[in-house]
Amino acid sequence: MSASPKSVLFVCLGNICRSTMAEAMLNHMLKARQVAEQWTVDSAATSTYEIGNEPDYRGNDVLERKGIERNRHLARQITKKDYEKFHYIFGFDEDNLRILKQRKPASSTSLVRLLGDLDPQKERIIHDPYYDDEAAFEKVFVQNKRCLEAFLKEVLGD
């Protein structure tokens, strides 16, 4: 694992919606706090469905409207090495969490949890917006933002 608890991996089913939005949002928030160079932030999938594909344009459109740079990430599946590299590994729903915990090597000290566990409004599940309209991506943005702000408050004290 990285030497300090400054590495975060966001993991959803396909790595083209929720996780890529959270990755871009956290990078943006860290840059705004002028600490981005101290962090490693990435995203991955539990499945192989979207490997090599770019983030869903609807999520990127929401990010852009909110003043956040579009994510250029290419979808990839989580690996065993990720459990050693990343201190925090966040899933978005119970299926993600179950798979992440099943695949976690016994030797790993990564903290695997739902991003929604940090939500001050107690909305633990951040639903996959893929089959919905753009309003669902807006909702993911709002939920991610609340959770990421709570995460930064927890780890940075701000």
C-alpha atoms as a PDB file:
ATOM      1  CA  MET A   1       0.000   0.000   0.000  1.00  0.00           C
ATOM      2  CA  SER A   2       1.094   3.553  -0.484  1.00  0.00           C
ATOM      3  CA  ALA A   3       3.109   5.049   2.362  1.00  0.00           C
ATOM      4  CA  SER A   4       0.389   7.473   3.441  1.00  0.00           C
ATOM      5  CA  PRO A   5      -3.414   7.374   3.457  1.00  0.00           C
ATOM      6  CA  LYS A   6      -3.551   9.613   0.436  1.00  0.00           C
ATOM      7  CA  SER A   7      -4.717   7.223  -2.234  1.00  0.00           C
ATOM      8  CA  VAL A   8      -8.307   6.652  -3.274  1.00  0.00           C
ATOM      9  CA  LEU A   9      -9.862   4.244  -5.751  1.00  0.00           C
ATOM     10  CA  PHE A  10     -13.515   4.572  -6.741  1.00  0.00           C
ATOM     11  CA  VAL A  11     -15.116   1.368  -8.030  1.00  0.00           C
ATOM     12  CA  CYS A  12     -18.482   0.856  -9.707  1.00  0.00           C
ATOM     13  CA  LEU A  13     -19.865  -1.772 -12.075  1.00  0.00           C
ATOM     14  CA  GLY A  14     -18.538  -0.513 -15.413  1.00  0.00           C
ATOM     15  CA  ASN A  15     -16.174   2.353 -14.528  1.00  0.00           C
ATOM     16  CA  ILE A  16     -17.874   4.796 -16.880  1.00  0.00           C
ATOM     17  CA  CYS A  17     -20.416   6.628 -14.673  1.00  0.00           C
ATOM     18  CA  ARG A  18     -20.295   6.909 -10.888  1.00  0.00           C
ATOM     19  CA  SER A  19     -16.630   6.088 -10.324  1.00  0.00           C
ATOM     20  CA  THR A  20     -15.287   8.314 -13.087  1.00  0.00           C
ATOM     21  CA  MET A  21     -17.429  11.214 -11.893  1.00  0.00           C
ATOM     22  CA  ALA A  22     -16.149  10.766  -8.320  1.00  0.00           C
ATOM     23  CA  GLU A  23     -12.554  10.517  -9.579  1.00  0.00           C
ATOM     24  CA  ALA A  24     -12.833  13.796 -11.511  1.00  0.00           C
ATOM     25  CA  MET A  25     -14.656  15.507  -8.657  1.00  0.00           C
ATOM     26  CA  LEU A  26     -12.119  14.512  -6.002  1.00  0.00           C
ATOM     27  CA  ASN A  27      -9.213  15.556  -8.228  1.00  0.00           C
ATOM     28  CA  HIS A  28     -10.927  18.925  -8.727  1.00  0.00           C
ATOM     29  CA  MET A  29     -11.499  19.364  -4.981  1.00  0.00           C
ATOM     30  CA  LEU A  30      -7.903  18.437  -4.166  1.00  0.00           C
ATOM     31  CA  LYS A  31      -6.580  20.909  -6.753  1.00  0.00           C
ATOM     32  CA  ALA A  32      -8.757  23.642  -5.253  1.00  0.00           C
ATOM     33  CA  ARG A  33      -7.169  22.895  -1.855  1.00  0.00           C
ATOM     34  CA  GLN A  34      -3.709  22.865  -3.476  1.00  0.00           C
ATOM     35  CA  VAL A  35      -2.931  19.329  -2.244  1.00  0.00           C
ATOM     36  CA  ALA A  36      -3.548  17.311  -5.439  1.00  0.00           C
ATOM     37  CA  GLU A  37       0.136  16.419  -5.863  1.00  0.00           C
ATOM     38  CA  GLN A  38       0.005  14.616  -2.509  1.00  0.00           C
ATOM     39  CA  TRP A  39      -2.775  12.269  -3.641  1.00  0.00           C
ATOM     40  CA  THR A  40      -3.289   9.365  -6.014  1.00  0.00           C
ATOM     41  CA  VAL A  41      -6.874   9.154  -7.274  1.00  0.00           C
ATOM     42  CA  ASP A  42      -8.158   6.579  -9.751  1.00  0.00           C
ATOM     43  CA  SER A  43     -11.225   4.550 -10.627  1.00  0.00           C
ATOM     44  CA  ALA A  44     -12.006   1.016 -11.753  1.00  0.00           C
ATOM     45  CA  ALA A  45     -14.800  -1.473 -12.406  1.00  0.00           C
ATOM     46  CA  THR A  46     -15.908  -4.683 -10.796  1.00  0.00           C
ATOM     47  CA  SER A  47     -16.917  -6.017 -14.245  1.00  0.00           C
ATOM     48  CA  THR A  48     -15.254  -6.323 -17.631  1.00  0.00           C
ATOM     49  CA  TYR A  49     -18.239  -4.838 -19.514  1.00  0.00           C
ATOM     50  CA  GLU A  50     -16.733  -1.468 -20.398  1.00  0.00           C
ATOM     51  CA  ILE A  51     -12.968  -2.051 -20.335  1.00  0.00           C
ATOM     52  CA  GLY A  52     -11.227   0.446 -22.614  1.00  0.00           C
ATOM     53  CA  ASN A  53     -14.278   2.690 -22.972  1.00  0.00           C
ATOM     54  CA  GLU A  54     -14.383   6.377 -22.089  1.00  0.00           C
ATOM     55  CA  PRO A  55     -16.675   7.750 -19.380  1.00  0.00           C
ATOM     56  CA  ASP A  56     -20.346   8.151 -20.250  1.00  0.00           C
ATOM     57  CA  TYR A  57     -20.821  11.503 -21.978  1.00  0.00           C
ATOM     58  CA  ARG A  58     -23.772  12.361 -19.717  1.00  0.00           C
ATOM     59  CA  GLY A  59     -21.585  12.250 -16.610  1.00  0.00           C
ATOM     60  CA  ASN A  60     -18.896  14.286 -18.329  1.00  0.00           C
ATOM     61  CA  ASP A  61     -21.523  16.812 -19.439  1.00  0.00           C
ATOM     62  CA  VAL A  62     -22.642  17.244 -15.817  1.00  0.00           C
ATOM     63  CA  LEU A  63     -19.042  17.664 -14.672  1.00  0.00           C
ATOM     64  CA  GLU A  64     -18.378  20.273 -17.350  1.00  0.00           C
ATOM     65  CA  ARG A  65     -21.505  22.257 -16.437  1.00  0.00           C
ATOM     66  CA  LYS A  66     -20.268  22.315 -12.831  1.00  0.00           C
ATOM     67  CA  GLY A  67     -16.867  23.664 -13.870  1.00  0.00           C
ATOM     68  CA  ILE A  68     -14.999  20.360 -13.531  1.00  0.00           C
ATOM     69  CA  GLU A  69     -12.736  19.047 -16.242  1.00  0.00           C
ATOM     70  CA  ARG A  70     -14.122  16.159 -18.292  1.00  0.00           C
ATOM     71  CA  ASN A  71     -12.671  12.801 -17.277  1.00  0.00           C
ATOM     72  CA  ARG A  72     -10.561  11.162 -20.004  1.00  0.00           C
ATOM     73  CA  HIS A  73     -10.115   7.905 -18.062  1.00  0.00           C
ATOM     74  CA  LEU A  74     -10.440   4.590 -19.910  1.00  0.00           C
ATOM     75  CA  ALA A  75     -12.415   1.956 -18.031  1.00  0.00           C
ATOM     76  CA  ARG A  76     -10.447  -0.814 -16.370  1.00  0.00           C
ATOM     77  CA  GLN A  77     -11.165  -3.616 -13.940  1.00  0.00           C
ATOM     78  CA  ILE A  78      -9.876  -3.566 -10.368  1.00  0.00           C
ATOM     79  CA  THR A  79      -6.791  -5.720  -9.782  1.00  0.00           C
ATOM     80  CA  LYS A  80      -5.207  -7.340  -6.736  1.00  0.00           C
ATOM     81  CA  LYS A  81      -2.432  -4.737  -6.938  1.00  0.00           C
ATOM     82  CA  ASP A  82      -5.035  -2.012  -6.392  1.00  0.00           C
ATOM     83  CA  TYR A  83      -5.703  -3.423  -2.932  1.00  0.00           C
ATOM     84  CA  GLU A  84      -2.044  -2.846  -2.093  1.00  0.00           C
ATOM     85  CA  LYS A  85      -1.743   0.541  -3.801  1.00  0.00           C
ATOM     86  CA  PHE A  86      -4.860   2.302  -2.501  1.00  0.00           C
ATOM     87  CA  HIS A  87      -5.610   3.135   1.101  1.00  0.00           C
ATOM     88  CA  TYR A  88      -9.297   3.887   0.467  1.00  0.00           C
ATOM     89  CA  ILE A  89     -11.414   1.851  -1.947  1.00  0.00           C
ATOM     90  CA  PHE A  90     -14.973   3.093  -2.308  1.00  0.00           C
ATOM     91  CA  GLY A  91     -17.899   1.253  -3.898  1.00  0.00           C
ATOM     92  CA  PHE A  92     -21.250   2.828  -4.709  1.00  0.00           C
ATOM     93  CA  ASP A  93     -23.806   0.109  -3.957  1.00  0.00           C
ATOM     94  CA  GLU A  94     -24.119  -3.187  -2.089  1.00  0.00           C
ATOM     95  CA  ASP A  95     -23.130  -5.275  -5.145  1.00  0.00           C
ATOM     96  CA  ASN A  96     -19.924  -3.267  -5.594  1.00  0.00           C
ATOM     97  CA  LEU A  97     -19.140  -3.585  -1.907  1.00  0.00           C
ATOM     98  CA  ARG A  98     -19.770  -7.353  -1.819  1.00  0.00           C
ATOM     99  CA  ILE A  99     -17.508  -7.959  -4.827  1.00  0.00           C
ATOM    100  CA  LEU A 100     -14.793  -5.647  -3.492  1.00  0.00           C
ATOM    101  CA  LYS A 101     -14.758  -7.461  -0.160  1.00  0.00           C
ATOM    102  CA  GLN A 102     -14.750 -10.896  -1.824  1.00  0.00           C
ATOM    103  CA  ARG A 103     -11.766  -9.995  -3.999  1.00  0.00           C
ATOM    104  CA  LYS A 104      -9.798  -8.247  -1.274  1.00  0.00           C
ATOM    105  CA  PRO A 105      -6.630 -10.230  -0.488  1.00  0.00           C
ATOM    106  CA  ALA A 106      -6.268 -11.249   3.153  1.00  0.00           C
ATOM    107  CA  SER A 107      -2.983  -9.343   3.342  1.00  0.00           C
ATOM    108  CA  SER A 108      -4.514  -6.046   2.195  1.00  0.00           C
ATOM    109  CA  THR A 109      -5.017  -3.205   4.655  1.00  0.00           C
ATOM    110  CA  SER A 110      -7.098  -1.120   2.236  1.00  0.00           C
ATOM    111  CA  LEU A 111     -10.225   0.368   3.756  1.00  0.00           C
ATOM    112  CA  VAL A 112     -13.109  -0.900   1.622  1.00  0.00           C
ATOM    113  CA  ARG A 113     -16.452   0.802   2.156  1.00  0.00           C
ATOM    114  CA  LEU A 114     -19.390   2.475   0.499  1.00  0.00           C
ATOM    115  CA  LEU A 115     -18.808   6.083  -0.475  1.00  0.00           C
ATOM    116  CA  GLY A 116     -22.378   6.688   0.671  1.00  0.00           C
ATOM    117  CA  ASP A 117     -21.423   5.743   4.233  1.00  0.00           C
ATOM    118  CA  LEU A 118     -19.997   9.266   4.401  1.00  0.00           C
ATOM    119  CA  ASP A 119     -23.199  10.965   3.255  1.00  0.00           C
ATOM    120  CA  PRO A 120     -24.438  13.415   5.907  1.00  0.00           C
ATOM    121  CA  GLN A 121     -27.957  12.878   4.512  1.00  0.00           C
ATOM    122  CA  LYS A 122     -27.582   9.101   5.041  1.00  0.00           C
ATOM    123  CA  GLU A 123     -28.224   8.121   1.401  1.00  0.00           C
ATOM    124  CA  ARG A 124     -25.867   5.142   1.488  1.00  0.00           C
ATOM    125  CA  ILE A 125     -26.501   3.880  -2.040  1.00  0.00           C
ATOM    126  CA  ILE A 126     -25.467   5.884  -5.081  1.00  0.00           C
ATOM    127  CA  HIS A 127     -27.499   4.233  -7.824  1.00  0.00           C
ATOM    128  CA  ASP A 128     -26.112   3.493 -11.271  1.00  0.00           C
ATOM    129  CA  PRO A 129     -27.474   6.198 -13.612  1.00  0.00           C
ATOM    130  CA  TYR A 130     -26.561   4.357 -16.825  1.00  0.00           C
ATOM    131  CA  TYR A 131     -30.101   3.304 -17.781  1.00  0.00           C
ATOM    132  CA  ASP A 132     -31.686   6.565 -16.662  1.00  0.00           C
ATOM    133  CA  ASP A 133     -31.738  10.105 -17.999  1.00  0.00           C
ATOM    134  CA  GLU A 134     -29.355  12.956 -17.343  1.00  0.00           C
ATOM    135  CA  ALA A 135     -31.211  13.862 -14.148  1.00  0.00           C
ATOM    136  CA  ALA A 136     -29.875  10.616 -12.656  1.00  0.00           C
ATOM    137  CA  PHE A 137     -26.325  11.784 -13.418  1.00  0.00           C
ATOM    138  CA  GLU A 138     -27.115  15.101 -11.715  1.00  0.00           C
ATOM    139  CA  LYS A 139     -28.250  13.150  -8.651  1.00  0.00           C
ATOM    140  CA  VAL A 140     -25.001  11.126  -8.679  1.00  0.00           C
ATOM    141  CA  PHE A 141     -23.083  14.407  -8.807  1.00  0.00           C
ATOM    142  CA  VAL A 142     -24.947  15.799  -5.797  1.00  0.00           C
ATOM    143  CA  GLN A 143     -24.519  12.606  -3.773  1.00  0.00           C
ATOM    144  CA  ASN A 144     -20.835  12.298  -4.718  1.00  0.00           C
ATOM    145  CA  LYS A 145     -20.244  15.923  -3.757  1.00  0.00           C
ATOM    146  CA  ARG A 146     -21.749  15.507  -0.288  1.00  0.00           C
ATOM    147  CA  CYS A 147     -19.772  12.319   0.325  1.00  0.00           C
ATOM    148  CA  LEU A 148     -16.489  13.689  -1.016  1.00  0.00           C
ATOM    149  CA  GLU A 149     -16.786  16.844   1.080  1.00  0.00           C
ATOM    150  CA  ALA A 150     -17.379  14.660   4.153  1.00  0.00           C
ATOM    151  CA  PHE A 151     -14.400  12.473   3.180  1.00  0.00           C
ATOM    152  CA  LEU A 152     -12.099  15.481   2.870  1.00  0.00           C
ATOM    153  CA  LYS A 153     -13.331  16.814   6.184  1.00  0.00           C
ATOM    154  CA  GLU A 154     -12.538  13.425   7.734  1.00  0.00           C
ATOM    155  CA  VAL A 155      -9.041  13.077   6.269  1.00  0.00           C
ATOM    156  CA  LEU A 156      -7.947  16.714   5.931  1.00  0.00           C
ATOM    157  CA  GLY A 157      -9.896  18.234   8.768  1.00  0.00           C
ATOM    158  CA  ASP A 158     -11.494  20.896   6.576  1.00  0.00           C
END
